[in-house]
Amino acid sequence: MNQIQRSTLDFLTDLSRHNDREWFAKNRDRYEEAKTNYESFVQAVIDKVSEFDTVFKGLDVRSCTYRINRDIRFSSDKTLYKTHLGAFIVRGGKKFADRYAGYYIHIEPGNNSMVAGGAYMPPAPWLSAIREKISEQGEEFIRIIKNRNFTGYFGEIEGEKLRTAPKGYPKDHPFIELLKMKSYLVSDQIPDSEVTGVKCFDHIVGACRAMKPLNDFLSEY
């Protein structure tokens, strides 16, 4: 199904108000319906994106989606369930999120839904490779993130930064602000009124297409 149903957002809204095991058990059928709707939508996105990003051909949505149960073992927040549905479309599935950039689809009521992507807190070897590539090919990276189609969806690239130059790079390096970054992220917020609309699917696919050059740059190292 190429459309997020209103009932999916309604379930997540109600879950945020009744985040306990008893309520969830009574509403499991609603959860299963929302989960099926979301996974069908994301699978359709994967299949469409794979037409221009062929590394995703044959990728199953189940390898990309996250559980709704929160891991509360080491958290002071003991809320049992997430109040959003999320999937990271990445080469080989989400278990490779620490190796490749990808596309993230997040559905959450309250105008918090988004299509996002890039590299979130890449491990040291990957981050070092990204910085080295930017150091050598900074003009190409800037061309990608300044492309009009790219900025139309995402504006500017985001991510936490170091306060000083990373080790091995002079503070006056021409691309120092990009080299300081610890993540290379983009996001495009989607209001609730559009999430359940017929144009949402094409919007997300279009955003993924605009993001592809960035993901390619970050992943090819």
C-alpha atoms as a PDB file:
ATOM      1  CA  MET A   1       0.000   0.000   0.000  1.00  0.00           C
ATOM      2  CA  ASN A   2       1.459   3.351  -1.062  1.00  0.00           C
ATOM      3  CA  GLN A   3      -0.306   5.468   1.548  1.00  0.00           C
ATOM      4  CA  ILE A   4      -0.071   5.868   5.320  1.00  0.00           C
ATOM      5  CA  GLN A   5      -3.554   5.480   6.771  1.00  0.00           C
ATOM      6  CA  ARG A   6      -5.083   7.920   9.242  1.00  0.00           C
ATOM      7  CA  SER A   7      -5.716   4.961  11.538  1.00  0.00           C
ATOM      8  CA  THR A   8      -1.948   4.434  11.814  1.00  0.00           C
ATOM      9  CA  LEU A   9      -1.431   7.959  13.145  1.00  0.00           C
ATOM     10  CA  ASP A  10      -4.464   7.584  15.408  1.00  0.00           C
ATOM     11  CA  PHE A  11      -3.022   4.439  16.963  1.00  0.00           C
ATOM     12  CA  LEU A  12       0.312   6.153  17.658  1.00  0.00           C
ATOM     13  CA  THR A  13      -1.484   9.155  19.158  1.00  0.00           C
ATOM     14  CA  ASP A  14      -3.488   6.909  21.484  1.00  0.00           C
ATOM     15  CA  LEU A  15      -0.361   4.932  22.375  1.00  0.00           C
ATOM     16  CA  SER A  16       1.365   8.129  23.518  1.00  0.00           C
ATOM     17  CA  ARG A  17      -1.541   8.671  25.943  1.00  0.00           C
ATOM     18  CA  HIS A  18      -1.791   5.070  27.175  1.00  0.00           C
ATOM     19  CA  ASN A  19       1.781   3.809  27.125  1.00  0.00           C
ATOM     20  CA  ASP A  20       1.354   0.705  29.252  1.00  0.00           C
ATOM     21  CA  ARG A  21       1.342  -3.036  28.719  1.00  0.00           C
ATOM     22  CA  GLU A  22      -2.345  -3.570  29.520  1.00  0.00           C
ATOM     23  CA  TRP A  23      -3.575  -0.961  27.019  1.00  0.00           C
ATOM     24  CA  PHE A  24      -1.213  -2.263  24.362  1.00  0.00           C
ATOM     25  CA  ALA A  25      -2.448  -5.821  24.830  1.00  0.00           C
ATOM     26  CA  LYS A  26      -6.047  -4.703  24.417  1.00  0.00           C
ATOM     27  CA  ASN A  27      -5.139  -2.763  21.269  1.00  0.00           C
ATOM     28  CA  ARG A  28      -2.757  -5.258  19.683  1.00  0.00           C
ATOM     29  CA  ASP A  29      -5.011  -5.638  16.647  1.00  0.00           C
ATOM     30  CA  ARG A  30      -4.752  -1.886  16.026  1.00  0.00           C
ATOM     31  CA  TYR A  31      -0.978  -2.132  16.380  1.00  0.00           C
ATOM     32  CA  GLU A  32      -0.754  -5.009  13.915  1.00  0.00           C
ATOM     33  CA  GLU A  33      -2.878  -3.057  11.431  1.00  0.00           C
ATOM     34  CA  ALA A  34      -0.662   0.042  11.812  1.00  0.00           C
ATOM     35  CA  LYS A  35       2.501  -2.055  11.524  1.00  0.00           C
ATOM     36  CA  THR A  36       1.236  -3.777   8.373  1.00  0.00           C
ATOM     37  CA  ASN A  37       0.274  -0.452   6.810  1.00  0.00           C
ATOM     38  CA  TYR A  38       3.653   1.103   7.641  1.00  0.00           C
ATOM     39  CA  GLU A  39       5.695  -1.873   6.450  1.00  0.00           C
ATOM     40  CA  SER A  40       3.739  -2.071   3.189  1.00  0.00           C
ATOM     41  CA  PHE A  41       4.413   1.629   2.618  1.00  0.00           C
ATOM     42  CA  VAL A  42       8.138   1.323   3.363  1.00  0.00           C
ATOM     43  CA  GLN A  43       8.475  -1.789   1.190  1.00  0.00           C
ATOM     44  CA  ALA A  44       6.918   0.159  -1.679  1.00  0.00           C
ATOM     45  CA  VAL A  45       9.450   2.947  -1.067  1.00  0.00           C
ATOM     46  CA  ILE A  46      12.307   0.417  -1.088  1.00  0.00           C
ATOM     47  CA  ASP A  47      11.100  -1.106  -4.346  1.00  0.00           C
ATOM     48  CA  LYS A  48      10.787   2.314  -5.989  1.00  0.00           C
ATOM     49  CA  VAL A  49      14.114   3.619  -4.683  1.00  0.00           C
ATOM     50  CA  SER A  50      15.840   0.461  -5.924  1.00  0.00           C
ATOM     51  CA  GLU A  51      15.020   1.575  -9.463  1.00  0.00           C
ATOM     52  CA  PHE A  52      17.628   4.347  -9.139  1.00  0.00           C
ATOM     53  CA  ASP A  53      19.676   3.016  -6.207  1.00  0.00           C
ATOM     54  CA  THR A  54      20.172  -0.568  -7.271  1.00  0.00           C
ATOM     55  CA  VAL A  55      21.994  -1.737  -4.111  1.00  0.00           C
ATOM     56  CA  PHE A  56      18.526  -2.001  -2.552  1.00  0.00           C
ATOM     57  CA  LYS A  57      17.098  -4.459  -5.060  1.00  0.00           C
ATOM     58  CA  GLY A  58      15.578  -7.379  -3.154  1.00  0.00           C
ATOM     59  CA  LEU A  59      15.877  -5.673   0.252  1.00  0.00           C
ATOM     60  CA  ASP A  60      13.117  -6.807   2.615  1.00  0.00           C
ATOM     61  CA  VAL A  61      11.417  -4.213   4.807  1.00  0.00           C
ATOM     62  CA  ARG A  62      11.684  -6.508   7.824  1.00  0.00           C
ATOM     63  CA  SER A  63      15.459  -6.052   7.824  1.00  0.00           C
ATOM     64  CA  CYS A  64      15.015  -2.279   8.008  1.00  0.00           C
ATOM     65  CA  THR A  65      12.260  -1.662  10.572  1.00  0.00           C
ATOM     66  CA  TYR A  66      12.756  -1.129  14.298  1.00  0.00           C
ATOM     67  CA  ARG A  67      10.815  -2.765  17.121  1.00  0.00           C
ATOM     68  CA  ILE A  68       8.159  -0.667  18.845  1.00  0.00           C
ATOM     69  CA  ASN A  69       9.332  -1.888  22.257  1.00  0.00           C
ATOM     70  CA  ARG A  70      11.850   0.441  23.862  1.00  0.00           C
ATOM     71  CA  ASP A  71      15.054  -0.871  25.419  1.00  0.00           C
ATOM     72  CA  ILE A  72      14.662   0.424  28.968  1.00  0.00           C
ATOM     73  CA  ARG A  73      17.459  -1.578  30.605  1.00  0.00           C
ATOM     74  CA  PHE A  74      19.864   1.343  30.898  1.00  0.00           C
ATOM     75  CA  SER A  75      17.435   4.245  30.559  1.00  0.00           C
ATOM     76  CA  SER A  76      15.897   6.442  33.236  1.00  0.00           C
ATOM     77  CA  ASP A  77      12.837   6.709  30.973  1.00  0.00           C
ATOM     78  CA  LYS A  78      10.874   3.525  31.624  1.00  0.00           C
ATOM     79  CA  THR A  79       8.225   4.162  28.963  1.00  0.00           C
ATOM     80  CA  LEU A  80       7.585   0.763  27.389  1.00  0.00           C
ATOM     81  CA  TYR A  81       6.767   1.644  23.803  1.00  0.00           C
ATOM     82  CA  LYS A  82       7.992   4.037  21.145  1.00  0.00           C
ATOM     83  CA  THR A  83       5.324   6.412  19.874  1.00  0.00           C
ATOM     84  CA  HIS A  84       6.631   6.357  16.316  1.00  0.00           C
ATOM     85  CA  LEU A  85       7.368   3.852  13.575  1.00  0.00           C
ATOM     86  CA  GLY A  86      10.841   3.913  12.057  1.00  0.00           C
ATOM     87  CA  ALA A  87      12.815   2.167   9.347  1.00  0.00           C
ATOM     88  CA  PHE A  88      16.356   2.684   8.091  1.00  0.00           C
ATOM     89  CA  ILE A  89      16.733   1.685   4.463  1.00  0.00           C
ATOM     90  CA  VAL A  90      20.405   0.835   4.175  1.00  0.00           C
ATOM     91  CA  ARG A  91      22.503  -1.607   2.195  1.00  0.00           C
ATOM     92  CA  GLY A  92      22.075  -5.042   3.814  1.00  0.00           C
ATOM     93  CA  GLY A  93      19.488  -3.790   6.318  1.00  0.00           C
ATOM     94  CA  LYS A  94      19.707  -1.762   9.516  1.00  0.00           C
ATOM     95  CA  LYS A  95      22.427  -3.975  11.028  1.00  0.00           C
ATOM     96  CA  PHE A  96      24.797  -2.217   8.616  1.00  0.00           C
ATOM     97  CA  ALA A  97      23.799   1.286   9.748  1.00  0.00           C
ATOM     98  CA  ASP A  98      27.310   1.712  11.168  1.00  0.00           C
ATOM     99  CA  ARG A  99      28.894   1.058   7.764  1.00  0.00           C
ATOM    100  CA  TYR A 100      26.738   2.745   5.131  1.00  0.00           C
ATOM    101  CA  ALA A 101      24.588   5.843   4.748  1.00  0.00           C
ATOM    102  CA  GLY A 102      20.903   5.273   4.087  1.00  0.00           C
ATOM    103  CA  TYR A 103      17.350   6.604   4.075  1.00  0.00           C
ATOM    104  CA  TYR A 104      15.290   6.856   7.268  1.00  0.00           C
ATOM    105  CA  ILE A 105      11.471   6.997   7.271  1.00  0.00           C
ATOM    106  CA  HIS A 106       9.919   8.136  10.538  1.00  0.00           C
ATOM    107  CA  ILE A 107       6.164   8.318  11.153  1.00  0.00           C
ATOM    108  CA  GLU A 108       5.056  10.123  14.326  1.00  0.00           C
ATOM    109  CA  PRO A 109       1.943  12.210  15.024  1.00  0.00           C
ATOM    110  CA  GLY A 110       2.266  15.858  15.988  1.00  0.00           C
ATOM    111  CA  ASN A 111       3.953  16.894  12.729  1.00  0.00           C
ATOM    112  CA  ASN A 112       7.070  14.940  13.728  1.00  0.00           C
ATOM    113  CA  SER A 113       7.207  12.635  10.713  1.00  0.00           C
ATOM    114  CA  MET A 114      10.206  12.911   8.419  1.00  0.00           C
ATOM    115  CA  VAL A 115      12.335  11.424   5.699  1.00  0.00           C
ATOM    116  CA  ALA A 116      15.968  11.681   6.697  1.00  0.00           C
ATOM    117  CA  GLY A 117      19.304  10.061   6.114  1.00  0.00           C
ATOM    118  CA  GLY A 118      23.043  10.256   5.826  1.00  0.00           C
ATOM    119  CA  ALA A 119      25.490   8.995   8.447  1.00  0.00           C
ATOM    120  CA  TYR A 120      24.607   9.256  12.143  1.00  0.00           C
ATOM    121  CA  MET A 121      27.588   9.136  14.528  1.00  0.00           C
ATOM    122  CA  PRO A 122      29.657   6.883  12.246  1.00  0.00           C
ATOM    123  CA  PRO A 123      32.266   4.774  14.091  1.00  0.00           C
ATOM    124  CA  ALA A 124      35.829   6.108  14.141  1.00  0.00           C
ATOM    125  CA  PRO A 125      37.145   4.203  11.077  1.00  0.00           C
ATOM    126  CA  TRP A 126      34.198   5.299   8.919  1.00  0.00           C
ATOM    127  CA  LEU A 127      34.283   8.870  10.222  1.00  0.00           C
ATOM    128  CA  SER A 128      38.006   9.072   9.499  1.00  0.00           C
ATOM    129  CA  ALA A 129      37.399   7.835   5.954  1.00  0.00           C
ATOM    130  CA  ILE A 130      34.642  10.418   5.420  1.00  0.00           C
ATOM    131  CA  ARG A 131      36.878  13.228   6.672  1.00  0.00           C
ATOM    132  CA  GLU A 132      39.743  12.101   4.465  1.00  0.00           C
ATOM    133  CA  LYS A 133      37.461  12.038   1.445  1.00  0.00           C
ATOM    134  CA  ILE A 134      36.072  15.502   2.222  1.00  0.00           C
ATOM    135  CA  SER A 135      39.622  16.788   2.693  1.00  0.00           C
ATOM    136  CA  GLU A 136      40.515  15.547  -0.780  1.00  0.00           C
ATOM    137  CA  GLN A 137      37.185  16.061  -2.565  1.00  0.00           C
ATOM    138  CA  GLY A 138      35.609  18.912  -0.655  1.00  0.00           C
ATOM    139  CA  GLU A 139      34.500  20.753  -3.773  1.00  0.00           C
ATOM    140  CA  GLU A 140      32.493  17.712  -4.879  1.00  0.00           C
ATOM    141  CA  PHE A 141      30.900  17.375  -1.439  1.00  0.00           C
ATOM    142  CA  ILE A 142      29.892  21.049  -1.425  1.00  0.00           C
ATOM    143  CA  ARG A 143      28.465  20.680  -4.923  1.00  0.00           C
ATOM    144  CA  ILE A 144      26.275  17.841  -3.655  1.00  0.00           C
ATOM    145  CA  ILE A 145      24.942  19.654  -0.579  1.00  0.00           C
ATOM    146  CA  LYS A 146      24.397  22.940  -2.449  1.00  0.00           C
ATOM    147  CA  ASN A 147      22.459  21.347  -5.306  1.00  0.00           C
ATOM    148  CA  ARG A 148      19.128  23.120  -5.685  1.00  0.00           C
ATOM    149  CA  ASN A 149      17.082  19.912  -5.597  1.00  0.00           C
ATOM    150  CA  PHE A 150      18.926  18.797  -2.462  1.00  0.00           C
ATOM    151  CA  THR A 151      18.452  22.089  -0.590  1.00  0.00           C
ATOM    152  CA  GLY A 152      14.821  22.211  -1.700  1.00  0.00           C
ATOM    153  CA  TYR A 153      14.145  19.135   0.406  1.00  0.00           C
ATOM    154  CA  PHE A 154      16.684  19.394   3.198  1.00  0.00           C
ATOM    155  CA  GLY A 155      18.098  22.890   3.472  1.00  0.00           C
ATOM    156  CA  GLU A 156      21.528  22.433   5.033  1.00  0.00           C
ATOM    157  CA  ILE A 157      23.409  19.389   6.228  1.00  0.00           C
ATOM    158  CA  GLU A 158      23.196  18.883  10.002  1.00  0.00           C
ATOM    159  CA  GLY A 159      25.237  17.197  12.686  1.00  0.00           C
ATOM    160  CA  GLU A 160      27.060  17.731  15.965  1.00  0.00           C
ATOM    161  CA  LYS A 161      30.525  19.277  15.568  1.00  0.00           C
ATOM    162  CA  LEU A 162      33.856  19.218  17.332  1.00  0.00           C
ATOM    163  CA  ARG A 163      34.891  22.524  18.878  1.00  0.00           C
ATOM    164  CA  THR A 164      38.328  22.355  17.309  1.00  0.00           C
ATOM    165  CA  ALA A 165      39.892  20.822  14.220  1.00  0.00           C
ATOM    166  CA  PRO A 166      40.022  17.000  14.241  1.00  0.00           C
ATOM    167  CA  LYS A 167      43.419  15.449  14.808  1.00  0.00           C
ATOM    168  CA  GLY A 168      45.595  15.597  11.720  1.00  0.00           C
ATOM    169  CA  TYR A 169      43.884  18.599  10.101  1.00  0.00           C
ATOM    170  CA  PRO A 170      45.002  22.240  10.353  1.00  0.00           C
ATOM    171  CA  LYS A 171      42.494  24.700  11.798  1.00  0.00           C
ATOM    172  CA  ASP A 172      42.731  26.751   8.594  1.00  0.00           C
ATOM    173  CA  HIS A 173      41.853  23.825   6.305  1.00  0.00           C
ATOM    174  CA  PRO A 174      39.508  25.125   3.564  1.00  0.00           C
ATOM    175  CA  PHE A 175      36.838  22.577   4.551  1.00  0.00           C
ATOM    176  CA  ILE A 176      37.409  22.698   8.299  1.00  0.00           C
ATOM    177  CA  GLU A 177      33.754  23.243   9.253  1.00  0.00           C
ATOM    178  CA  LEU A 178      32.759  20.101   7.357  1.00  0.00           C
ATOM    179  CA  LEU A 179      35.689  18.177   8.826  1.00  0.00           C
ATOM    180  CA  LYS A 180      34.607  19.092  12.364  1.00  0.00           C
ATOM    181  CA  MET A 181      31.292  17.294  11.928  1.00  0.00           C
ATOM    182  CA  LYS A 182      30.699  14.063  13.854  1.00  0.00           C
ATOM    183  CA  SER A 183      27.535  13.210  11.895  1.00  0.00           C
ATOM    184  CA  TYR A 184      26.422  14.064   8.364  1.00  0.00           C
ATOM    185  CA  LEU A 185      22.635  14.217   8.438  1.00  0.00           C
ATOM    186  CA  VAL A 186      19.732  15.628   6.476  1.00  0.00           C
ATOM    187  CA  SER A 187      16.022  15.664   7.284  1.00  0.00           C
ATOM    188  CA  ASP A 188      12.770  16.815   5.736  1.00  0.00           C
ATOM    189  CA  GLN A 189       9.823  17.228   8.113  1.00  0.00           C
ATOM    190  CA  ILE A 190       6.404  16.113   6.862  1.00  0.00           C
ATOM    191  CA  PRO A 191       3.242  17.453   8.561  1.00  0.00           C
ATOM    192  CA  ASP A 192       0.467  15.063   9.569  1.00  0.00           C
ATOM    193  CA  SER A 193      -1.835  16.434   6.884  1.00  0.00           C
ATOM    194  CA  GLU A 194       0.656  15.367   4.210  1.00  0.00           C
ATOM    195  CA  VAL A 195       1.745  12.070   5.777  1.00  0.00           C
ATOM    196  CA  THR A 196      -1.662  10.544   5.108  1.00  0.00           C
ATOM    197  CA  GLY A 197      -2.013  12.203   1.703  1.00  0.00           C
ATOM    198  CA  VAL A 198      -1.707  10.518  -1.671  1.00  0.00           C
ATOM    199  CA  LYS A 199       1.373  12.604  -2.540  1.00  0.00           C
ATOM    200  CA  CYS A 200       3.443  11.531   0.473  1.00  0.00           C
ATOM    201  CA  PHE A 201       4.850   8.459  -1.255  1.00  0.00           C
ATOM    202  CA  ASP A 202       6.141  10.439  -4.227  1.00  0.00           C
ATOM    203  CA  HIS A 203       7.504  13.128  -1.902  1.00  0.00           C
ATOM    204  CA  ILE A 204       9.544  10.598   0.085  1.00  0.00           C
ATOM    205  CA  VAL A 205      10.841   8.890  -3.041  1.00  0.00           C
ATOM    206  CA  GLY A 206      11.788  12.305  -4.446  1.00  0.00           C
ATOM    207  CA  ALA A 207      13.643  13.154  -1.248  1.00  0.00           C
ATOM    208  CA  CYS A 208      15.526   9.852  -1.410  1.00  0.00           C
ATOM    209  CA  ARG A 209      16.497  10.570  -5.004  1.00  0.00           C
ATOM    210  CA  ALA A 210      17.809  14.002  -3.965  1.00  0.00           C
ATOM    211  CA  MET A 211      19.711  12.403  -1.071  1.00  0.00           C
ATOM    212  CA  LYS A 212      21.364   9.641  -3.103  1.00  0.00           C
ATOM    213  CA  PRO A 213      24.488  11.617  -4.145  1.00  0.00           C
ATOM    214  CA  LEU A 214      25.172  12.425  -0.483  1.00  0.00           C
ATOM    215  CA  ASN A 215      24.729   8.805   0.587  1.00  0.00           C
ATOM    216  CA  ASP A 216      26.953   7.630  -2.240  1.00  0.00           C
ATOM    217  CA  PHE A 217      29.704  10.043  -1.200  1.00  0.00           C
ATOM    218  CA  LEU A 218      29.502   8.962   2.442  1.00  0.00           C
ATOM    219  CA  SER A 219      29.340   5.230   1.683  1.00  0.00           C
ATOM    220  CA  GLU A 220      32.027   4.918  -1.000  1.00  0.00           C
ATOM    221  CA  TYR A 221      35.250   4.923   0.978  1.00  0.00           C
END
